[in-house]
Structures are given as C-alpha cells and as structure tokens.
Amino acid sequence: MIGALVTFFLVGLATLVVASIALAILGAVFSVALSLAGFLLFKVAPIMLIGYLVVRFLAPKHKRLSAAERRWIES
C-alpha cells in the first residue's frame, strides 16, 4: 500500500517536472516568435513601405520598350 502511494507520488512528480519544462520551452518559443513578429511589423515594415513608395513615385511612368520586346508583345 505504501509502495503504491510512493509510486503514484513519484510518477506525479515526474509528470509535473516534465510538463513544467515543456511549457517553459513552449513559452520561450512563443516569446521569441512574437518579439520577432513585433520587430518585423513595427521596425522593418515601415522602412520597407517608405522605400517602396519612394521608388514607386520616383520611377519613370512609362518604361521604354526595346524593339524586340515591342515585336514580342505585338505578335
């Protein structure tokens, strides 16, 4: 009877230790993923958007086609 209780206690303790380690690793992974997403969304994306808009507005409106490209399009 005492042996069964000690066995249940040790199995429960091992389960709690393994579950806490697994949840800590899962929390660390989610923390890294969310911080990376926040960095990309609030630091990199605005700079890329501004760069895209500058290139878009400063680019020539109509790019001149070469003769070969014009023949390919018209055929």
Protein backbone atom coordinates (compact mmCIF):
# COMPACT_ATOMS: atom_id res chain seq x y z
CA MET A 1 0.00 0.00 0.00
CA ILE A 2 2.75 2.47 0.94
CA GLY A 3 4.76 1.35 -2.10
CA ALA A 4 1.84 2.12 -4.43
CA LEU A 5 1.40 5.57 -2.87
CA VAL A 6 5.11 6.34 -3.24
CA THR A 7 4.99 5.14 -6.86
CA PHE A 8 1.99 7.38 -7.61
CA PHE A 9 3.74 10.30 -5.92
CA LEU A 10 6.95 9.82 -7.93
CA VAL A 11 5.06 9.42 -11.22
CA GLY A 12 3.05 12.57 -10.48
CA LEU A 13 6.19 14.48 -9.52
CA ALA A 14 7.99 13.39 -12.70
CA THR A 15 4.94 14.38 -14.75
CA LEU A 16 4.88 17.84 -13.16
CA VAL A 17 8.61 18.35 -13.79
CA VAL A 18 8.35 17.26 -17.43
CA ALA A 19 5.21 19.34 -18.00
CA SER A 20 6.80 22.45 -16.47
CA ILE A 21 9.93 22.06 -18.63
CA ALA A 22 7.82 21.54 -21.77
CA LEU A 23 5.67 24.59 -21.01
CA ALA A 24 8.77 26.70 -20.32
CA ILE A 25 10.25 25.74 -23.69
CA LEU A 26 6.92 26.40 -25.42
CA GLY A 27 6.68 29.81 -23.74
CA ALA A 28 10.22 30.70 -24.80
CA VAL A 29 9.46 29.73 -28.41
CA PHE A 30 6.28 31.82 -28.45
CA SER A 31 8.10 34.74 -26.83
CA VAL A 32 10.83 34.68 -29.47
CA ALA A 33 8.27 34.35 -32.27
CA LEU A 34 6.16 37.24 -31.02
CA SER A 35 9.15 39.50 -30.45
CA LEU A 36 10.44 38.75 -33.95
CA ALA A 37 7.00 39.43 -35.42
CA GLY A 38 6.76 42.70 -33.49
CA PHE A 39 10.21 43.75 -34.65
CA LEU A 40 9.39 42.99 -38.28
CA LEU A 41 5.98 44.64 -38.11
CA PHE A 42 6.90 47.84 -36.29
CA LYS A 43 10.56 48.39 -37.26
CA VAL A 44 11.22 46.81 -40.66
CA ALA A 45 7.83 47.09 -42.39
CA PRO A 46 7.52 50.91 -42.14
CA ILE A 47 11.02 51.39 -43.54
CA MET A 48 10.28 48.98 -46.40
CA LEU A 49 6.96 50.74 -47.09
CA ILE A 50 8.63 54.15 -47.25
CA GLY A 51 11.35 52.76 -49.54
CA TYR A 52 8.76 51.16 -51.80
CA LEU A 53 6.75 54.36 -52.05
CA VAL A 54 9.84 56.46 -52.81
CA VAL A 55 10.96 54.07 -55.55
CA ARG A 56 7.41 53.83 -56.89
CA PHE A 57 6.95 57.62 -57.15
CA LEU A 58 10.45 58.38 -58.44
CA ALA A 59 10.45 55.68 -61.14
CA PRO A 60 9.64 56.79 -64.68
CA LYS A 61 5.98 56.40 -65.54
CA HIS A 62 6.43 54.53 -68.81
CA LYS A 63 9.45 52.38 -69.28
CA ARG A 64 10.61 52.41 -72.87
CA LEU A 65 10.44 49.05 -74.59
CA SER A 66 13.16 47.74 -76.83
CA ALA A 67 12.31 46.81 -80.41
CA ALA A 68 12.47 43.08 -79.59
CA GLU A 69 10.08 43.47 -76.66
CA ARG A 70 7.67 45.51 -78.75
CA ARG A 71 7.65 42.83 -81.52
CA TRP A 72 7.08 40.10 -78.93
CA ILE A 73 4.14 41.95 -77.39
CA GLU A 74 2.53 42.77 -80.74
CA SER A 75 2.83 39.25 -82.14
